[in-house]
């Protein structure tokens, strides 16, 4: 899951596996596979970066000495 911030200033988590698309409309809008939309304060590039970091943690094996 990735942490994002809503326009009310509250942080919440979205399951990155359920994200279908991310748009700048001009606000960043995250659409899940079920059609639910979330508008967040982070720019699109930051959300994508968070998704990539999350995926690396899930799919890459730990390095020797990282435990």
C-alpha atoms as a PDB file:
ATOM      1  CA  UNK A   1       0.000   0.000   0.000  1.00  0.00           C
ATOM      2  CA  UNK A   2       1.099   3.579  -0.580  1.00  0.00           C
ATOM      3  CA  UNK A   3       0.458   6.606   1.620  1.00  0.00           C
ATOM      4  CA  UNK A   4      -1.180   9.636   0.011  1.00  0.00           C
ATOM      5  CA  UNK A   5      -2.753  12.866   1.301  1.00  0.00           C
ATOM      6  CA  UNK A   6      -6.320  13.948   0.628  1.00  0.00           C
ATOM      7  CA  UNK A   7      -7.290  17.596   0.181  1.00  0.00           C
ATOM      8  CA  UNK A   8      -8.571  17.644   3.763  1.00  0.00           C
ATOM      9  CA  UNK A   9      -4.938  17.175   4.861  1.00  0.00           C
ATOM     10  CA  UNK A  10      -5.479  13.651   6.176  1.00  0.00           C
ATOM     11  CA  UNK A  11      -3.140  10.885   5.067  1.00  0.00           C
ATOM     12  CA  UNK A  12      -4.515   7.524   4.013  1.00  0.00           C
ATOM     13  CA  UNK A  13      -3.329   4.386   2.265  1.00  0.00           C
ATOM     14  CA  UNK A  14      -4.329   3.056  -1.146  1.00  0.00           C
ATOM     15  CA  UNK A  15      -3.626  -0.470  -2.327  1.00  0.00           C
ATOM     16  CA  UNK A  16      -1.260   0.103  -5.256  1.00  0.00           C
ATOM     17  CA  UNK A  17      -2.371  -3.182  -6.824  1.00  0.00           C
ATOM     18  CA  UNK A  18      -5.877  -1.756  -7.385  1.00  0.00           C
ATOM     19  CA  UNK A  19      -4.831   1.439  -9.181  1.00  0.00           C
ATOM     20  CA  UNK A  20      -6.019   1.510 -12.775  1.00  0.00           C
ATOM     21  CA  UNK A  21      -4.909   5.025 -13.730  1.00  0.00           C
ATOM     22  CA  UNK A  22      -3.503   8.283 -12.391  1.00  0.00           C
ATOM     23  CA  UNK A  23      -4.387  11.608 -14.001  1.00  0.00           C
ATOM     24  CA  UNK A  24      -3.577  15.286 -13.516  1.00  0.00           C
ATOM     25  CA  UNK A  25      -6.937  17.035 -13.989  1.00  0.00           C
ATOM     26  CA  UNK A  26      -5.200  19.468 -12.846  1.00  0.00           C
ATOM     27  CA  UNK A  27      -5.370  17.849  -9.397  1.00  0.00           C
ATOM     28  CA  UNK A  28      -3.967  14.329  -9.140  1.00  0.00           C
ATOM     29  CA  UNK A  29      -6.826  11.856  -9.486  1.00  0.00           C
ATOM     30  CA  UNK A  30      -6.286   8.170  -8.746  1.00  0.00           C
ATOM     31  CA  UNK A  31      -8.841   5.781 -10.240  1.00  0.00           C
ATOM     32  CA  UNK A  32      -9.117   2.245  -8.887  1.00  0.00           C
ATOM     33  CA  UNK A  33     -10.172  -0.777 -10.933  1.00  0.00           C
ATOM     34  CA  UNK A  34     -13.685  -0.570  -9.424  1.00  0.00           C
ATOM     35  CA  UNK A  35     -14.158   3.025 -10.634  1.00  0.00           C
ATOM     36  CA  UNK A  36     -13.664   4.687  -7.264  1.00  0.00           C
ATOM     37  CA  UNK A  37     -11.690   7.931  -7.534  1.00  0.00           C
ATOM     38  CA  UNK A  38      -9.466   9.710  -5.037  1.00  0.00           C
ATOM     39  CA  UNK A  39      -8.113  13.232  -5.418  1.00  0.00           C
ATOM     40  CA  UNK A  40      -4.773  13.689  -3.644  1.00  0.00           C
ATOM     41  CA  UNK A  41      -2.327  16.527  -3.036  1.00  0.00           C
ATOM     42  CA  UNK A  42       0.765  14.688  -4.312  1.00  0.00           C
ATOM     43  CA  UNK A  43       1.744  15.305  -7.953  1.00  0.00           C
ATOM     44  CA  UNK A  44       1.382  12.398 -10.404  1.00  0.00           C
ATOM     45  CA  UNK A  45       5.149  11.858 -10.524  1.00  0.00           C
ATOM     46  CA  UNK A  46       5.337  11.420  -6.742  1.00  0.00           C
ATOM     47  CA  UNK A  47       2.487   8.893  -6.708  1.00  0.00           C
ATOM     48  CA  UNK A  48       4.198   6.902  -9.482  1.00  0.00           C
ATOM     49  CA  UNK A  49       7.479   7.013  -7.520  1.00  0.00           C
ATOM     50  CA  UNK A  50       5.697   5.658  -4.430  1.00  0.00           C
ATOM     51  CA  UNK A  51       4.177   2.842  -6.484  1.00  0.00           C
ATOM     52  CA  UNK A  52       7.570   1.893  -7.920  1.00  0.00           C
ATOM     53  CA  UNK A  53       9.167   1.897  -4.439  1.00  0.00           C
ATOM     54  CA  UNK A  54       6.339  -0.296  -3.149  1.00  0.00           C
ATOM     55  CA  UNK A  55       6.714  -2.754  -6.055  1.00  0.00           C
ATOM     56  CA  UNK A  56      10.489  -2.958  -5.520  1.00  0.00           C
ATOM     57  CA  UNK A  57       9.940  -3.892  -1.872  1.00  0.00           C
ATOM     58  CA  UNK A  58       7.474  -6.601  -2.852  1.00  0.00           C
ATOM     59  CA  UNK A  59       9.182  -8.159  -5.864  1.00  0.00           C
ATOM     60  CA  UNK A  60      12.926  -7.714  -5.379  1.00  0.00           C
ATOM     61  CA  UNK A  61      14.766 -10.088  -3.049  1.00  0.00           C
ATOM     62  CA  UNK A  62      16.530  -8.472  -0.077  1.00  0.00           C
ATOM     63  CA  UNK A  63      20.198  -7.717  -0.498  1.00  0.00           C
ATOM     64  CA  UNK A  64      22.725  -9.686   1.562  1.00  0.00           C
ATOM     65  CA  UNK A  65      22.911  -8.065   4.981  1.00  0.00           C
ATOM     66  CA  UNK A  66      19.491  -6.350   4.660  1.00  0.00           C
ATOM     67  CA  UNK A  67      17.219  -7.969   7.171  1.00  0.00           C
END
